[in-house]
Amino acid sequence: MISRRTLIGTAMALAVVWAGPAALAQDPPVQLGALFNTSGPQTFFGAPALHGARLAADTINASGGVLGQSLELIEVDGDSDADAWTTLVPAALREHPGISALFGLSDSNNALAAGRASAAASHVFVTSGATSPRLPEQVPTYLFLAAFGDNVQAAAAAEYAYGRLGARNALVLFDPDHIYTRLLHGYFATAFQGLGGTVAASEAIAPRSASPSVPEIGGADLVFLSVESADDAAVMIPIIRATGFTGPIFGGDGYASAAVWSAHPDVADVYFTTHVYLGANTQDPTVAAFIAAYEAAVPGETPTAFSALAYDTVGLLATALDNAGSAEPSSVADGLFAIDDYRGVTGTISYAGGTHIPRKSVTILEIDNGAQTFVEEMTPSHVPAP
């Protein structure tokens, strides 16, 4: 089925209701639980993602809502504490029993906890930004991804590093404290070696320690730096450069933050995989329209990839409910499986065939003198198994 909807044109902040300024008059509204860390150390993911989700709800309501009713977001803040979701999710569902599905979160640890709590209540949870391809196996039936899996983005990084940059000997550095960073570095090593490259070593690092350091780079011609965020990468890259290494550094979608890199104009020859290019010179009219709408809705801020993912996730869930013709929680999964070739900001998305991880391409960006520039959009040929 071709989806018909295309957008554009404890009590830690528990259950804040967002219906948007253009909310419809119908009662009761269709409700989605919006789970984001808008306080604590993951605010850099959560706050822009929530802004994207709100923009999507406003856009949907302005164009007629969902199933003829207004769409409300029931916002829940987890304060960047994965364990908190075991309490927050059931509390939100008790307070708002009309919630059709839940979505959000850009960290695999948090998404796993929230997904399990949602599944315990027989509700679908769509993680807008987490990328562990193991999540649907860990939470069968109820957990979906809106993003590509880490195995896909790691394979794209490996193919670009090997084929375009000519790298043959990589040093892999990773933060062991996160599911995301542990999986990403392993998938990259597997994919790079599968292409014929050599991984000199895989070494743990601690970017948030008092004195972060890196091991000897040796003869590596590429460093794959698997850290959670752009802030972590900005800490580690100068330390890597201080060893005398002048070659390319590669990372994952956690690097996506124009604001962070603009504060580091000395950073260059750094590449990362991400979900969409959000530069002002984008040639994609859907992306350009999203950027303009976001900047109008959130003055003084520019969207991130996580804003775009959350925006698309709300659109996907609204489309799933329209496909199902029902706001009942039991109908959401079937509505998602009916989505084929949904045109979102982050690409064309499909769950057809019963997949819980959508088929999507990967965008490669380069950081050059503090600016993010578009390099290539690609779909890797060989992807490691989850």
Protein backbone atom coordinates (compact mmCIF):
# COMPACT_ATOMS: atom_id res chain seq x y z
CA MET A 1 0.00 0.00 0.00
CA ILE A 2 1.31 3.48 -0.85
CA SER A 3 0.80 5.68 2.18
CA ARG A 4 -1.26 8.73 1.32
CA ARG A 5 0.07 11.10 3.96
CA THR A 6 3.10 13.28 3.29
CA LEU A 7 3.93 16.03 5.76
CA ILE A 8 5.20 19.51 4.91
CA GLY A 9 4.15 21.74 3.21
CA THR A 10 7.32 9.42 38.35
CA ALA A 11 6.26 12.65 37.48
CA MET A 12 9.33 13.93 35.68
CA ALA A 13 7.44 16.31 33.39
CA LEU A 14 4.91 13.52 33.02
CA ALA A 15 2.04 13.87 30.60
CA VAL A 16 2.36 17.36 29.21
CA VAL A 17 -0.27 17.62 26.49
CA TRP A 18 0.62 19.22 23.16
CA ALA A 19 -2.16 19.60 20.62
CA GLY A 20 -0.62 22.52 18.73
CA PRO A 21 -2.13 25.89 17.88
CA ALA A 22 -4.16 24.47 15.01
CA ALA A 23 -5.80 21.69 17.01
CA LEU A 24 -9.19 20.54 15.70
CA ALA A 25 -12.38 20.68 17.69
CA GLN A 26 -13.24 16.98 17.62
CA ASP A 27 -13.33 15.17 20.90
CA PRO A 28 -11.77 12.89 21.99
CA PRO A 29 -8.43 13.52 20.27
CA VAL A 30 -6.07 10.90 18.95
CA GLN A 31 -3.20 10.68 21.43
CA LEU A 32 0.43 9.61 21.00
CA GLY A 33 2.88 9.30 23.87
CA ALA A 34 5.97 11.43 23.08
CA LEU A 35 8.92 10.15 25.11
CA PHE A 36 11.99 12.41 25.05
CA ASN A 37 14.84 13.29 27.36
CA THR A 38 14.50 17.06 27.50
CA SER A 39 16.54 17.36 30.67
CA GLY A 40 19.80 15.75 31.72
CA PRO A 41 22.78 14.90 29.50
CA GLN A 42 20.68 13.67 26.55
CA THR A 43 18.90 17.00 26.11
CA PHE A 44 20.98 17.58 22.96
CA PHE A 45 19.03 14.66 21.40
CA GLY A 46 15.70 15.15 23.11
CA ALA A 47 14.95 18.85 22.87
CA PRO A 48 15.33 19.24 19.08
CA ALA A 49 13.54 15.93 18.55
CA LEU A 50 10.56 17.12 20.59
CA HIS A 51 10.45 20.33 18.58
CA GLY A 52 10.31 18.23 15.41
CA ALA A 53 7.51 16.09 16.84
CA ARG A 54 5.48 19.16 17.80
CA LEU A 55 5.93 20.62 14.33
CA ALA A 56 4.62 17.40 12.81
CA ALA A 57 1.56 17.44 15.08
CA ASP A 58 0.84 21.06 14.12
CA THR A 59 1.20 20.23 10.42
CA ILE A 60 -1.10 17.22 10.71
CA ASN A 61 -3.73 19.18 12.62
CA ALA A 62 -3.59 22.01 10.09
CA SER A 63 -4.30 19.51 7.31
CA GLY A 64 -7.24 17.74 8.94
CA GLY A 65 -5.85 15.72 11.81
CA VAL A 66 -5.94 11.93 12.12
CA LEU A 67 -9.11 9.94 11.49
CA GLY A 68 -11.00 13.24 11.47
CA GLN A 69 -9.81 14.09 14.97
CA SER A 70 -7.11 16.35 16.38
CA LEU A 71 -3.76 14.86 17.29
CA GLU A 72 -2.35 15.35 20.79
CA LEU A 73 1.13 14.53 21.99
CA ILE A 74 1.38 13.38 25.59
CA GLU A 75 4.91 14.50 26.42
CA VAL A 76 7.00 12.63 28.97
CA ASP A 77 10.54 13.58 30.03
CA GLY A 78 12.79 10.79 31.30
CA ASP A 79 15.55 13.11 32.58
CA SER A 80 18.08 11.00 30.60
CA ASP A 81 17.55 8.07 32.97
CA ALA A 82 16.87 4.81 31.11
CA ASP A 83 15.57 3.09 34.23
CA ALA A 84 12.94 5.80 34.72
CA TRP A 85 10.91 4.60 31.73
CA THR A 86 9.85 1.45 33.57
CA THR A 87 7.79 3.74 35.81
CA LEU A 88 7.05 6.66 33.49
CA VAL A 89 5.48 4.67 30.65
CA PRO A 90 2.86 2.83 32.74
CA ALA A 91 2.13 6.04 34.64
CA ALA A 92 1.48 7.91 31.38
CA LEU A 93 -0.79 5.13 30.12
CA ARG A 94 -2.75 5.13 33.37
CA GLU A 95 -3.21 8.89 33.25
CA HIS A 96 -4.00 8.88 29.52
CA PRO A 97 -5.65 5.54 28.67
CA GLY A 98 -6.50 6.80 25.18
CA ILE A 99 -2.88 6.76 23.99
CA SER A 100 -2.72 4.78 20.73
CA ALA A 101 1.06 4.32 20.57
CA LEU A 102 4.27 5.72 21.99
CA PHE A 103 7.35 7.06 20.23
CA GLY A 104 10.59 8.96 20.69
CA LEU A 105 14.06 8.59 22.22
CA SER A 106 17.36 8.58 20.37
CA ASP A 107 19.43 6.33 22.64
CA SER A 108 19.25 2.54 22.46
CA ASN A 109 19.47 2.03 26.25
CA ASN A 110 16.49 4.33 26.80
CA ALA A 111 14.58 2.94 23.83
CA LEU A 112 15.00 -0.61 25.09
CA ALA A 113 13.61 0.28 28.52
CA ALA A 114 10.72 2.31 27.09
CA GLY A 115 9.97 -0.36 24.49
CA ARG A 116 9.75 -3.09 27.09
CA ALA A 117 7.45 -0.98 29.26
CA SER A 118 5.24 -0.21 26.25
CA ALA A 119 5.13 -3.86 25.20
CA ALA A 120 4.08 -4.86 28.70
CA ALA A 121 1.00 -2.71 28.13
CA SER A 122 0.49 -4.06 24.57
CA HIS A 123 1.34 -0.72 22.97
CA VAL A 124 3.57 -0.15 19.95
CA PHE A 125 6.69 1.95 20.57
CA VAL A 126 8.52 3.53 17.62
CA THR A 127 11.95 4.81 18.54
CA SER A 128 12.55 7.92 16.48
CA GLY A 129 16.34 7.98 16.73
CA ALA A 130 17.75 4.81 18.33
CA THR A 131 19.57 2.66 15.78
CA SER A 132 20.33 -0.70 17.40
CA PRO A 133 19.10 -3.35 14.93
CA ARG A 134 18.72 -5.74 17.85
CA LEU A 135 15.92 -3.75 19.48
CA PRO A 136 13.04 -5.46 17.59
CA GLU A 137 14.39 -8.87 18.66
CA GLN A 138 14.72 -7.67 22.25
CA VAL A 139 11.15 -6.33 22.23
CA PRO A 140 9.28 -8.59 19.79
CA THR A 141 6.05 -7.50 18.11
CA TYR A 142 5.84 -4.01 19.61
CA LEU A 143 9.08 -2.15 18.92
CA PHE A 144 9.81 -0.43 15.58
CA LEU A 145 12.65 1.80 14.38
CA ALA A 146 12.14 4.96 12.35
CA ALA A 147 15.86 5.13 11.55
CA PHE A 148 18.22 2.74 9.79
CA GLY A 149 20.07 0.20 11.94
CA ASP A 150 23.63 0.64 13.20
CA ASN A 151 24.73 -2.27 11.02
CA VAL A 152 23.52 -0.35 7.97
CA GLN A 153 25.22 2.94 8.81
CA ALA A 154 28.42 1.15 9.83
CA ALA A 155 28.45 -0.72 6.52
CA ALA A 156 27.99 2.57 4.64
CA ALA A 157 30.88 4.11 6.61
CA ALA A 158 33.10 1.12 5.84
CA GLU A 159 32.28 1.17 2.12
CA TYR A 160 32.91 4.90 1.86
CA ALA A 161 36.16 4.71 3.85
CA TYR A 162 37.47 1.76 1.84
CA GLY A 163 36.16 2.69 -1.60
CA ARG A 164 36.24 6.51 -1.65
CA LEU A 165 38.92 7.40 0.89
CA GLY A 166 41.18 4.46 0.06
CA ALA A 167 41.58 3.44 3.71
CA ARG A 168 43.06 -0.01 4.28
CA ASN A 169 44.17 -0.05 7.93
CA ALA A 170 41.77 1.29 10.57
CA LEU A 171 42.08 1.90 14.28
CA VAL A 172 38.70 1.64 16.01
CA LEU A 173 38.08 3.63 19.20
CA PHE A 174 34.81 3.24 21.10
CA ASP A 175 33.04 4.31 24.27
CA PRO A 176 32.03 1.07 26.04
CA ASP A 177 29.34 2.73 28.17
CA HIS A 178 26.56 2.71 25.55
CA ILE A 179 24.82 0.04 23.49
CA TYR A 180 25.00 2.34 20.48
CA THR A 181 28.74 2.87 20.57
CA ARG A 182 29.51 -0.77 21.32
CA LEU A 183 27.39 -2.05 18.43
CA LEU A 184 28.51 0.60 15.95
CA HIS A 185 32.22 -0.09 16.36
CA GLY A 186 31.71 -3.84 16.03
CA TYR A 187 29.62 -3.55 12.88
CA PHE A 188 32.16 -1.19 11.32
CA ALA A 189 35.05 -3.56 12.05
CA THR A 190 33.12 -6.49 10.54
CA ALA A 191 32.12 -4.55 7.42
CA PHE A 192 35.59 -3.02 6.89
CA GLN A 193 37.32 -6.36 7.20
CA GLY A 194 34.75 -7.92 4.88
CA LEU A 195 35.81 -5.44 2.21
CA GLY A 196 39.46 -6.44 2.59
CA GLY A 197 40.55 -3.83 5.12
CA THR A 198 42.52 -4.47 8.31
CA VAL A 199 41.51 -3.36 11.80
CA ALA A 200 44.73 -2.68 13.66
CA ALA A 201 42.97 -2.66 17.03
CA SER A 202 39.68 -1.88 18.75
CA GLU A 203 40.33 0.13 21.90
CA ALA A 204 37.96 1.46 24.59
CA ILE A 205 38.09 5.16 25.41
CA ALA A 206 36.38 7.37 28.00
CA PRO A 207 35.42 10.72 26.42
CA ARG A 208 33.61 11.94 29.54
CA SER A 209 36.39 11.13 31.99
CA ALA A 210 38.44 13.83 33.69
CA SER A 211 41.43 13.10 31.45
CA PRO A 212 40.39 11.36 28.23
CA SER A 213 43.18 9.82 26.18
CA VAL A 214 43.75 7.64 23.12
CA PRO A 215 46.18 4.79 22.47
CA GLU A 216 49.04 4.92 19.98
CA ILE A 217 47.64 5.37 16.45
CA GLY A 218 50.48 3.41 14.84
CA GLY A 219 50.24 2.85 11.09
CA ALA A 220 46.49 3.29 10.78
CA ASP A 221 45.30 5.38 7.83
CA LEU A 222 41.78 5.83 9.28
CA VAL A 223 40.34 6.21 12.78
CA PHE A 224 36.78 5.11 13.37
CA LEU A 225 35.65 6.96 16.50
CA SER A 226 32.47 5.50 17.97
CA VAL A 227 31.12 7.94 20.57
CA GLU A 228 27.61 8.87 21.57
CA SER A 229 27.45 12.55 20.63
CA ALA A 230 29.02 15.40 18.70
CA ASP A 231 30.17 16.84 22.02
CA ASP A 232 32.04 13.60 22.79
CA ALA A 233 33.59 13.60 19.32
CA ALA A 234 34.64 17.24 19.71
CA VAL A 235 36.50 16.25 22.88
CA MET A 236 38.28 13.28 21.34
CA ILE A 237 39.22 14.60 17.89
CA PRO A 238 41.81 17.15 19.14
CA ILE A 239 43.34 14.42 21.32
CA ILE A 240 43.62 12.16 18.27
CA ARG A 241 45.15 14.97 16.23
CA ALA A 242 47.62 15.73 19.02
CA THR A 243 49.16 12.28 18.46
CA GLY A 244 50.21 13.45 15.01
CA PHE A 245 47.50 11.56 13.13
CA THR A 246 46.40 13.64 10.13
CA GLY A 247 44.23 11.09 8.30
CA PRO A 248 40.43 10.90 8.13
CA ILE A 249 38.31 10.27 11.21
CA PHE A 250 34.91 8.60 10.78
CA GLY A 251 31.92 8.33 13.10
CA GLY A 252 28.19 7.64 13.32
CA ASP A 253 24.98 9.63 13.44
CA GLY A 254 25.61 10.87 16.97
CA TYR A 255 27.95 13.44 15.36
CA ALA A 256 24.98 15.27 13.81
CA SER A 257 25.07 18.77 15.32
CA ALA A 258 25.78 21.85 13.25
CA ALA A 259 25.90 23.94 16.43
CA VAL A 260 28.67 21.86 17.99
CA TRP A 261 30.87 21.86 14.90
CA SER A 262 30.43 25.57 14.20
CA ALA A 263 32.14 26.13 17.57
CA HIS A 264 35.14 24.09 16.36
CA PRO A 265 36.33 25.71 13.11
CA ASP A 266 39.64 23.85 13.32
CA VAL A 267 37.96 20.45 12.81
CA ALA A 268 38.48 19.01 9.32
CA ASP A 269 38.77 15.70 7.48
CA VAL A 270 36.06 14.21 9.69
CA TYR A 271 33.19 12.19 8.20
CA PHE A 272 30.02 10.73 9.67
CA THR A 273 26.93 8.80 8.69
CA THR A 274 23.57 10.40 9.31
CA HIS A 275 19.92 10.45 8.29
CA VAL A 276 19.57 13.62 6.22
CA TYR A 277 21.53 16.65 5.08
CA LEU A 278 19.97 19.78 6.60
CA GLY A 279 22.23 22.41 5.05
CA ALA A 280 20.77 25.65 3.74
CA ASN A 281 21.91 24.67 0.24
CA THR A 282 19.98 21.39 0.17
CA GLN A 283 18.56 20.53 -3.24
CA ASP A 284 15.73 18.46 -1.76
CA PRO A 285 12.48 20.52 -1.67
CA THR A 286 10.99 18.37 1.09
CA VAL A 287 14.00 18.98 3.30
CA ALA A 288 14.10 22.70 2.46
CA ALA A 289 10.42 23.07 3.39
CA PHE A 290 11.02 21.25 6.67
CA ILE A 291 13.96 23.51 7.56
CA ALA A 292 11.91 26.64 6.85
CA ALA A 293 8.93 25.40 8.87
CA TYR A 294 11.12 24.34 11.80
CA GLU A 295 13.00 27.64 11.96
CA ALA A 296 9.71 29.53 11.87
CA ALA A 297 8.27 27.36 14.67
CA VAL A 298 11.43 27.42 16.82
CA PRO A 299 12.98 30.87 16.35
CA GLY A 300 16.74 30.99 16.76
CA GLU A 301 17.24 27.23 16.33
CA THR A 302 18.14 25.07 13.38
CA PRO A 303 16.87 21.50 13.12
CA THR A 304 19.05 18.46 13.65
CA ALA A 305 18.77 14.98 12.18
CA PHE A 306 16.95 14.00 15.38
CA SER A 307 14.38 16.77 14.78
CA ALA A 308 13.74 15.37 11.31
CA LEU A 309 13.51 11.78 12.57
CA ALA A 310 10.95 12.70 15.23
CA TYR A 311 8.98 14.70 12.66
CA ASP A 312 8.89 11.69 10.36
CA THR A 313 7.95 9.36 13.22
CA VAL A 314 4.81 11.34 14.04
CA GLY A 315 3.91 11.30 10.35
CA LEU A 316 4.48 7.55 10.15
CA LEU A 317 2.26 6.86 13.15
CA ALA A 318 -0.47 9.17 11.85
CA THR A 319 -0.31 7.35 8.51
CA ALA A 320 -0.45 3.98 10.28
CA LEU A 321 -3.61 4.99 12.12
CA ASP A 322 -5.18 6.27 8.91
CA ASN A 323 -4.22 3.03 7.15
CA ALA A 324 -5.78 0.97 9.95
CA GLY A 325 -8.88 3.17 10.13
CA SER A 326 -8.65 2.98 13.91
CA ALA A 327 -6.86 4.57 16.85
CA GLU A 328 -6.93 1.34 18.84
CA PRO A 329 -3.44 0.30 20.07
CA SER A 330 -3.96 -3.18 18.62
CA SER A 331 -4.27 -1.75 15.09
CA VAL A 332 -1.04 0.28 14.99
CA ALA A 333 1.40 -2.47 13.93
CA ASP A 334 -0.76 -3.52 10.99
CA GLY A 335 -1.04 0.12 9.96
CA LEU A 336 2.75 0.45 9.98
CA PHE A 337 3.21 -2.71 7.91
CA ALA A 338 0.90 -1.16 5.29
CA ILE A 339 3.33 1.76 4.79
CA ASP A 340 5.30 1.54 1.56
CA ASP A 341 7.29 4.40 -0.01
CA TYR A 342 6.39 7.02 2.60
CA ARG A 343 8.21 10.20 1.59
CA GLY A 344 9.65 11.67 4.74
CA VAL A 345 12.26 14.31 5.47
CA THR A 346 14.80 11.58 6.21
CA GLY A 347 14.09 9.63 3.03
CA THR A 348 11.63 7.15 1.61
CA ILE A 349 10.44 4.77 4.31
CA SER A 350 8.80 1.36 4.08
CA TYR A 351 7.74 -1.29 6.60
CA ALA A 352 6.15 -3.46 3.92
CA GLY A 353 6.76 -7.18 4.27
CA GLY A 354 6.56 -7.10 8.05
CA THR A 355 9.92 -5.45 8.80
CA HIS A 356 10.35 -3.50 12.04
CA ILE A 357 13.43 -1.67 10.70
CA PRO A 358 12.61 0.49 7.68
CA ARG A 359 14.45 0.30 4.39
CA LYS A 360 16.34 3.61 4.10
CA SER A 361 19.51 5.03 2.58
CA VAL A 362 22.42 6.54 4.55
CA THR A 363 23.77 10.07 4.15
CA ILE A 364 27.50 10.77 4.43
CA LEU A 365 28.55 14.22 5.65
CA GLU A 366 31.99 15.77 6.06
CA ILE A 367 33.02 18.24 8.74
CA ASP A 368 35.36 20.75 7.13
CA ASN A 369 36.55 23.79 9.09
CA GLY A 370 33.60 23.44 11.44
CA ALA A 371 30.93 23.20 8.71
CA GLN A 372 28.88 20.13 7.79
CA THR A 373 28.86 19.49 4.04
CA PHE A 374 27.02 16.89 1.99
CA VAL A 375 29.18 14.14 0.48
CA GLU A 376 26.98 11.27 -0.67
CA GLU A 377 23.76 9.37 -0.13
CA MET A 378 24.22 5.63 -0.41
CA THR A 379 22.78 2.23 0.37
CA PRO A 380 25.54 -0.21 1.38
CA SER A 381 25.96 -3.40 -0.60
CA HIS A 382 26.86 -5.75 2.23
CA VAL A 383 25.41 -5.26 5.72
CA PRO A 384 26.56 -7.26 8.78
CA ALA A 385 23.87 -9.33 10.45
CA PRO A 386 22.37 -7.80 13.60
